[in-house]
Protein backbone atom coordinates (compact mmCIF):
# COMPACT_ATOMS: atom_id res chain seq x y z
CA MET A 1 46.84 95.35 -95.22
CA ASN A 2 48.45 97.05 -98.19
CA GLN A 3 47.02 94.99 -101.00
CA THR A 4 46.77 96.32 -104.51
CA HIS A 5 43.87 95.91 -106.85
CA PRO A 6 44.64 93.26 -109.48
CA PHE A 7 43.86 95.78 -112.20
CA LYS A 8 46.11 98.80 -112.53
CA THR A 9 44.06 101.98 -112.29
CA LYS A 10 44.91 105.58 -113.03
CA LEU A 11 43.59 108.13 -110.54
CA LEU A 12 43.72 111.87 -110.90
CA GLY A 13 47.22 113.11 -110.02
CA GLN A 14 48.92 109.69 -110.37
CA GLY A 15 51.13 108.56 -113.15
CA LEU A 16 50.06 106.27 -115.93
CA GLY A 17 50.22 102.65 -114.89
CA ALA A 18 50.55 103.34 -111.16
CA THR A 19 49.12 100.75 -108.82
CA VAL A 20 46.61 101.87 -106.19
CA PRO A 21 46.22 100.47 -102.67
CA LEU A 22 42.93 98.64 -102.28
CA GLU A 23 41.75 100.84 -99.39
CA ILE A 24 42.20 104.01 -101.45
CA MET A 25 40.50 102.44 -104.44
CA ASN A 26 37.46 101.37 -102.37
CA THR A 27 37.13 104.83 -100.82
CA TYR A 28 37.42 106.46 -104.23
CA LEU A 29 34.80 104.21 -105.79
CA LEU A 30 32.43 104.59 -102.84
CA LYS A 31 32.49 108.38 -103.01
CA HIS A 32 31.88 108.41 -106.74
CA TRP A 33 29.12 105.83 -106.62
CA VAL A 34 27.36 107.95 -103.98
CA LEU A 35 27.57 110.94 -106.30
CA ILE A 36 26.26 108.90 -109.20
CA VAL A 37 23.32 107.51 -107.21
CA VAL A 38 22.39 110.97 -105.89
CA GLY A 39 22.62 112.39 -109.39
CA LEU A 40 20.42 109.69 -110.85
CA THR A 41 17.91 110.20 -108.05
CA LEU A 42 17.72 113.92 -108.76
CA VAL A 43 17.31 113.33 -112.48
CA SER A 44 14.61 110.74 -111.85
CA SER A 45 12.78 113.16 -109.57
CA GLN A 46 13.12 115.93 -112.15
CA PHE A 47 11.74 113.68 -114.89
CA SER A 48 8.87 112.45 -112.71
CA PRO A 49 5.87 114.72 -113.36
CA GLY A 50 4.08 113.59 -110.22
CA ALA A 51 6.97 113.98 -107.80
CA ASP A 52 5.45 116.80 -105.71
CA THR A 53 1.99 115.32 -105.20
CA PRO A 54 1.33 113.84 -101.74
CA GLU A 55 -0.34 110.44 -101.57
CA VAL A 56 -2.51 111.57 -98.65
CA VAL A 57 -4.02 115.05 -98.52
CA THR A 58 -5.83 116.94 -95.78
CA PRO A 59 -9.01 118.65 -97.00
CA ILE A 60 -9.73 122.13 -95.69
CA VAL A 61 -13.30 122.17 -97.04
CA VAL A 62 -15.50 119.09 -97.50
CA ALA A 63 -18.86 119.09 -99.27
CA ASN A 64 -21.71 117.19 -97.60
CA ASN A 65 -22.50 114.52 -100.18
CA PRO A 66 -26.22 113.66 -99.94
CA ASP A 67 -25.85 110.48 -102.03
CA PRO A 68 -22.30 109.04 -101.85
CA ALA A 69 -23.31 105.84 -103.65
CA ASN A 70 -24.22 107.79 -106.80
CA LEU A 71 -22.61 111.22 -106.61
CA PRO A 72 -18.91 112.14 -106.66
CA SER A 73 -17.62 113.37 -103.31
CA LEU A 74 -16.03 116.82 -103.44
CA SER A 75 -13.47 118.48 -101.21
CA LEU A 76 -10.79 121.14 -101.41
CA TRP A 77 -7.17 120.87 -100.30
CA GLU A 78 -4.12 123.05 -100.81
CA GLN A 79 -0.90 121.87 -102.39
CA GLU A 80 2.37 123.51 -101.44
CA SER A 81 4.13 124.89 -104.51
CA ARG A 82 7.85 125.60 -104.25
CA SER A 83 8.02 127.09 -107.74
CA ARG A 84 5.13 129.54 -107.17
CA ASN A 85 5.77 130.16 -103.47
CA GLU A 86 2.09 129.76 -102.64
CA LYS A 87 -0.55 127.17 -101.88
CA LEU A 88 -2.55 125.88 -104.84
CA PRO A 89 -6.28 125.23 -104.32
CA MET A 90 -7.13 121.73 -105.55
CA VAL A 91 -10.73 120.54 -105.93
CA SER A 92 -10.80 116.79 -105.36
CA ALA A 93 -13.53 114.58 -106.83
CA SER A 94 -13.87 110.87 -105.98
CA PHE A 95 -16.19 108.92 -108.26
CA PRO A 96 -18.13 105.96 -106.81
CA ASN A 97 -18.85 104.51 -110.27
CA VAL A 98 -15.19 104.22 -111.35
CA PRO A 99 -12.83 102.36 -108.98
CA GLY A 100 -9.54 104.11 -108.36
CA LEU A 101 -10.62 107.48 -109.74
CA THR A 102 -9.90 110.45 -107.51
CA CYS A 103 -8.98 113.43 -109.66
CA ASP A 104 -7.83 116.92 -108.71
CA SER A 105 -8.59 120.22 -110.43
CA TRP A 106 -6.16 123.05 -109.77
CA CYS A 107 -8.40 126.11 -109.69
CA TYR A 108 -6.70 127.96 -111.28
CA GLU A 109 -3.35 127.92 -113.06
CA SER A 110 -3.94 131.61 -113.76
CA GLU A 111 -2.99 134.97 -112.26
CA VAL A 112 -5.70 134.90 -109.63
CA LEU A 113 -5.68 135.08 -105.83
CA PHE A 114 -7.62 132.34 -104.06
CA LEU A 115 -9.82 133.91 -101.38
CA ARG A 116 -11.99 131.19 -99.84
CA ALA A 117 -14.22 128.19 -100.44
CA LYS A 118 -17.35 126.87 -98.81
CA PRO A 119 -19.69 123.89 -99.13
CA LEU A 120 -23.14 124.36 -100.62
CA ALA A 121 -26.28 122.24 -100.43
CA GLY A 122 -26.43 119.18 -102.67
CA GLY A 123 -22.76 118.25 -102.23
CA LYS A 124 -21.54 121.36 -104.09
CA LEU A 125 -18.54 123.59 -103.50
CA GLU A 126 -18.14 127.32 -104.12
CA LEU A 127 -14.74 128.94 -104.68
CA ARG A 128 -13.90 132.63 -104.85
CA HIS A 129 -10.85 134.19 -106.50
CA ARG A 130 -9.71 137.73 -107.23
CA VAL A 131 -8.15 138.53 -110.60
CA ARG A 132 -4.74 140.04 -109.88
CA ALA A 133 -4.62 142.34 -112.92
CA GLN A 134 -8.29 143.32 -112.51
CA PRO A 135 -8.78 143.46 -108.72
CA GLN A 136 -12.37 144.59 -109.06
CA VAL A 137 -13.22 141.24 -110.66
CA LEU A 138 -14.20 138.29 -108.47
CA LEU A 139 -14.41 134.82 -110.03
CA VAL A 140 -17.13 132.77 -108.36
CA THR A 141 -16.89 129.07 -109.25
CA THR A 142 -19.60 126.53 -108.47
CA VAL A 143 -18.64 122.85 -108.56
CA THR A 144 -21.65 120.51 -108.79
CA PRO A 145 -21.60 116.70 -108.52
CA GLU A 146 -23.78 114.63 -110.84
CA PRO A 147 -23.98 110.87 -111.38
CA GLY A 148 -20.82 110.10 -113.34
CA ALA A 149 -19.84 113.75 -113.74
CA VAL A 150 -18.80 117.03 -112.10
CA ASP A 151 -20.00 120.33 -113.56
CA ILE A 152 -17.73 123.38 -113.07
CA VAL A 153 -19.10 126.85 -113.82
CA ALA A 154 -17.42 130.19 -113.17
CA ARG A 155 -18.98 133.64 -113.34
CA ALA A 156 -17.55 137.12 -112.92
CA GLU A 157 -18.80 139.44 -110.18
CA LEU A 158 -17.91 143.04 -109.46
CA ASP A 159 -16.46 143.67 -106.01
CA ALA A 160 -18.56 146.80 -105.55
CA GLU A 161 -17.65 147.09 -101.89
CA LYS A 162 -13.93 147.60 -102.53
CA HIS A 163 -14.21 149.06 -106.04
CA PRO A 164 -17.50 151.03 -106.15
CA GLU A 165 -16.42 153.16 -109.13
CA GLU A 166 -15.30 150.26 -111.32
CA LYS A 167 -17.13 148.11 -113.86
CA LEU A 168 -16.57 144.57 -115.09
CA PRO A 169 -14.15 144.72 -118.03
CA GLY A 170 -15.10 143.30 -121.38
CA ASP A 171 -11.83 141.35 -121.60
CA LEU A 172 -12.37 139.01 -118.67
CA LEU A 173 -9.45 136.80 -117.67
CA VAL A 174 -10.01 133.29 -118.99
CA PRO A 175 -9.43 130.77 -116.17
CA ASN A 176 -6.99 127.94 -116.79
CA LEU A 177 -8.03 124.77 -114.96
CA CYS A 178 -5.38 122.05 -114.63
CA TRP A 179 -7.11 118.66 -114.34
CA GLN A 180 -4.82 116.05 -112.78
CA LEU A 181 -4.94 112.26 -112.47
CA ARG A 182 -1.85 111.78 -110.28
CA ARG A 183 -3.88 110.53 -107.30
CA ALA A 184 -6.00 108.13 -109.37
CA PRO A 185 -4.25 104.75 -109.21
CA ALA A 186 -6.19 103.33 -112.14
CA PHE A 187 -5.31 106.30 -114.38
CA ALA A 188 -2.05 107.82 -113.10
CA SER A 189 1.22 107.56 -115.01
CA LYS A 190 3.14 105.93 -112.16
CA PRO A 191 4.61 103.38 -111.91
CA ASP A 192 4.86 103.19 -115.72
CA PRO A 193 7.08 105.42 -117.87
CA TYR A 194 5.36 108.70 -118.68
CA PRO A 195 5.01 107.93 -122.42
CA ASP A 196 2.74 105.03 -121.42
CA PHE A 197 0.37 107.58 -119.87
CA VAL A 198 0.37 109.45 -123.19
CA LYS A 199 -0.72 106.24 -124.91
CA ARG A 200 -3.85 106.17 -122.73
CA CYS A 201 -4.84 109.81 -123.36
CA PHE A 202 -7.21 110.59 -126.21
CA VAL A 203 -9.01 113.21 -128.26
CA PHE A 204 -11.56 112.84 -131.05
CA THR A 205 -10.35 113.47 -134.59
CA GLY A 206 -11.87 112.79 -137.99
CA ARG A 207 -11.02 109.12 -137.35
CA GLY A 208 -12.93 108.96 -134.08
CA MET A 209 -11.39 108.30 -130.67
CA THR A 210 -7.66 108.81 -131.23
CA PHE A 211 -4.99 108.04 -128.64
CA LEU A 212 -2.35 110.73 -128.44
CA ASP A 213 0.62 108.50 -129.23
CA GLN A 214 -1.07 107.94 -132.60
CA THR A 215 -1.06 111.64 -133.40
CA THR A 216 1.97 113.41 -134.81
CA ARG A 217 3.79 114.88 -131.82
CA HIS A 218 6.55 117.43 -132.32
CA LYS A 219 9.46 117.82 -129.95
CA ILE A 220 9.33 120.27 -127.05
CA PRO A 221 10.91 123.49 -128.38
CA VAL A 222 12.48 124.61 -125.10
CA ARG A 223 14.25 121.28 -124.52
CA ALA A 224 17.16 119.72 -126.36
CA SER A 225 16.33 117.31 -129.12
CA TYR A 226 18.14 114.49 -127.29
CA ASP A 227 16.35 115.15 -123.97
CA PRO A 228 14.60 111.95 -122.77
CA ARG A 229 11.36 113.96 -122.50
CA ASN A 230 11.59 114.55 -126.24
CA ASN A 231 12.05 110.89 -127.19
CA PRO A 232 9.14 110.60 -127.62
CA PRO A 233 7.70 114.01 -126.67
CA TRP A 234 5.98 113.80 -123.29
CA VAL A 235 3.67 116.81 -123.79
CA GLN A 236 1.75 118.32 -126.68
CA MET A 237 -0.82 120.98 -127.56
CA TYR A 238 -3.77 120.49 -129.92
CA VAL A 239 -6.20 122.80 -131.73
CA GLY A 240 -9.65 122.36 -133.23
CA ASP A 241 -10.10 121.54 -136.90
CA TRP A 242 -11.88 124.85 -137.52
CA GLN A 243 -8.64 126.82 -137.15
CA PRO A 244 -5.03 126.72 -138.43
CA VAL A 245 -2.27 125.10 -136.41
CA PRO A 246 -0.18 127.82 -134.68
CA VAL A 247 3.60 127.93 -134.74
CA ALA A 248 5.07 127.40 -131.28
CA ALA A 249 7.76 129.76 -130.02
CA THR A 250 11.30 128.44 -129.61
CA ASN A 251 10.96 128.78 -125.81
CA SER A 252 7.56 127.11 -125.64
CA TRP A 253 6.93 124.34 -123.09
CA ALA A 254 5.25 122.24 -125.85
CA ASP A 255 4.64 122.25 -129.58
CA TYR A 256 1.38 121.92 -131.50
CA SER A 257 0.41 118.68 -133.17
CA PRO A 258 -0.73 119.04 -136.80
CA ASP A 259 -3.53 116.58 -135.99
CA ARG A 260 -6.57 118.59 -134.95
CA TYR A 261 -9.54 117.54 -132.83
CA THR A 262 -13.11 117.66 -134.08
CA THR A 263 -14.82 118.21 -130.76
CA THR A 264 -13.85 119.67 -127.43
CA LEU A 265 -13.30 116.51 -125.38
CA ILE A 266 -10.00 115.22 -124.02
CA GLY A 267 -9.42 112.40 -121.56
CA ALA A 268 -7.68 109.20 -120.54
CA VAL A 269 -8.50 105.49 -120.39
CA SER A 270 -7.74 103.48 -117.28
CA ARG A 271 -4.73 101.20 -117.27
CA ASP A 272 -6.98 98.13 -117.63
CA ALA A 273 -8.96 99.86 -120.43
CA ILE A 274 -12.25 99.28 -118.59
CA HIS A 275 -13.07 102.90 -117.72
CA LEU A 276 -12.45 106.38 -119.06
CA ALA A 277 -12.33 109.87 -117.60
CA ALA A 278 -12.67 112.99 -119.71
CA LEU A 279 -12.90 116.76 -119.64
CA GLY A 280 -15.43 118.47 -121.91
CA SER A 281 -16.52 121.98 -122.87
CA ASP A 282 -18.16 123.63 -125.87
CA SER A 283 -15.71 126.43 -126.61
CA ALA A 284 -12.06 125.31 -126.33
CA PRO A 285 -9.86 126.61 -129.17
CA THR A 286 -6.92 124.67 -127.71
CA MET A 287 -6.45 121.61 -125.50
CA CYS A 288 -3.31 119.95 -124.24
CA GLN A 289 -1.80 116.98 -122.42
CA ALA A 290 0.89 118.17 -120.05
CA TRP A 291 3.25 117.31 -117.21
CA HIS A 292 1.35 116.55 -114.03
CA ASP A 293 -0.64 113.57 -115.33
CA CYS A 294 -2.86 116.39 -116.46
CA VAL A 295 -4.90 117.57 -119.40
CA HIS A 296 -6.29 121.03 -120.11
CA ASN A 297 -9.56 121.78 -121.87
CA ASN A 298 -9.60 125.55 -122.36
CA PRO A 299 -13.18 126.87 -122.61
CA GLN A 300 -13.88 130.54 -123.25
CA TRP A 301 -16.42 132.91 -121.71
CA THR A 302 -19.78 132.41 -123.43
CA PRO A 303 -21.78 133.94 -124.96
CA ALA A 304 -18.81 136.00 -126.12
CA ASP A 305 -20.99 138.98 -127.07
CA ALA A 306 -22.99 139.03 -123.82
CA PRO A 307 -22.33 141.61 -121.07
CA PRO A 308 -19.50 140.38 -118.79
CA ALA A 309 -21.84 139.70 -115.87
CA GLU A 310 -23.98 137.41 -118.06
CA ARG A 311 -21.17 135.26 -119.42
CA ALA A 312 -20.25 131.84 -118.05
CA TRP A 313 -17.08 129.76 -118.17
CA ARG A 314 -17.94 126.07 -118.03
CA LEU A 315 -16.45 122.61 -118.32
CA LYS A 316 -17.37 119.15 -117.14
CA ILE A 317 -15.54 116.09 -115.84
CA TYR A 318 -16.89 112.71 -116.98
CA ALA A 319 -16.23 109.28 -115.48
CA MET A 320 -17.76 106.14 -116.98
CA PRO A 321 -17.13 102.78 -118.64
CA ASN A 322 -14.84 102.90 -121.66
CA ASP A 323 -17.65 103.51 -124.13
CA PRO A 324 -16.79 106.44 -126.42
CA ASP A 325 -20.26 106.52 -127.98
CA ALA A 326 -21.86 106.83 -124.54
CA LEU A 327 -19.42 109.63 -123.71
CA LEU A 328 -20.28 111.49 -126.90
CA ALA A 329 -24.01 111.03 -126.33
CA ARG A 330 -23.85 112.52 -122.84
CA PHE A 331 -21.53 115.26 -124.00
CA ALA A 332 -24.00 116.23 -126.74
CA LYS A 333 -26.79 116.60 -124.15
CA ASP A 334 -24.63 118.65 -121.80
CA PHE A 335 -23.13 120.86 -124.50
CA PRO A 336 -25.64 121.14 -127.36
CA ASP A 337 -23.66 123.99 -128.94
CA ALA A 338 -20.47 121.95 -129.27
CA LYS A 339 -19.33 120.73 -132.66
CA LYS A 340 -21.18 117.59 -133.74
CA HIS A 341 -18.49 115.98 -135.93
CA HIS A 342 -16.97 113.20 -133.84
CA GLY A 343 -15.60 110.88 -136.52
CA PRO A 344 -16.91 107.44 -137.50
CA THR A 345 -18.84 105.09 -135.26
CA HIS A 346 -16.42 103.14 -133.12
CA GLN A 347 -16.17 100.62 -130.33
CA ALA A 348 -14.36 100.97 -127.03
CA GLN A 349 -10.64 100.94 -127.74
CA ARG A 350 -7.77 99.47 -125.75
CA PRO A 351 -4.77 101.83 -125.86
CA GLY A 352 -1.67 100.44 -127.49
CA GLN A 353 -3.42 97.77 -129.57
CA ALA A 354 -1.82 97.21 -132.92
CA GLY A 355 -2.89 95.98 -136.30
CA GLN A 356 -6.56 95.34 -137.09
CA ASP A 357 -7.59 95.42 -133.42
CA HIS A 358 -6.78 99.12 -133.31
CA PRO A 359 -7.78 101.11 -136.39
CA TRP A 360 -5.49 104.03 -135.57
CA SER A 361 -2.21 102.43 -134.61
CA ARG A 362 -0.06 103.98 -137.33
CA GLN A 363 1.72 107.33 -137.08
CA LEU A 364 -0.14 110.10 -138.89
CA PRO A 365 1.52 112.09 -141.67
CA SER A 366 2.49 115.66 -140.85
CA ARG A 367 0.15 118.35 -142.12
CA ARG A 368 2.64 121.15 -141.73
């Protein structure tokens, strides 16, 4: 039937005011709506930081947990990475004391080659990597479960068998561990917009526990100002208050906030504000909140002046009720050399509270 649409429509190649048969119009609209839907799907996938993470993983190494009711259960699985064309070793930790908390630590987001992993007594895991630029250097990482925590310590060993004439260099590669919450339903960004995840992430500033949306966050230099991921900025880097704020390069993946942390702890509060999870060290000059529902706490090799074989690289994952004072107390015991200035005494905070219920709800002035 050769009906015409009641509204006159101009299609490409037809004259102004021409009428279009209904069948042609429907076909035209269908094709273009398909293109629009596909385009929106691709954009949504591109904007979704957790898009590549499987909901179910298959461990290749599982630690024998001697006390599952009290200790986190550890395992290792490998994530396929299209961008890096390799498999990424992920250390998984499931905490019995915090419902819905299974976190993954990519060991490491650095130029290292993963060699192997094995379980150790006491529910521990051991990982071995080779430093690509220093092939004589082996990184040996021991992951140890504790009640409410996981301790991660790396040390450098010389591969004397393959490199008998070499020595450990003084400038050891600093590992970059990417700690991710994408598979923790109580903490993950999904199904909420990613900026809501930012609102639940925190550091400690001179005002105490400070949620990241209440810090000054500059736009991502490498992305357009109007990019949705810049309104507000989805990612940000932070530095300690004992050092100046760097200037980010124009092609940087994130900018630096002028608001500096007072101690080397960074974490997130659960969606219901009942629990928290955090990453601590005693030597991080920078920390950041990034794309994969992840945060980075960047410890250095310590003691810095010790021989390379005697240095250690260490950080710790914490999982507990949302009690910042309890977190700081345990952190002080675990890292006695960390800075002691944590801001004023405070109560557990619920992210996103406004007014008098949340003492740090206003945007901070820029210090640049």
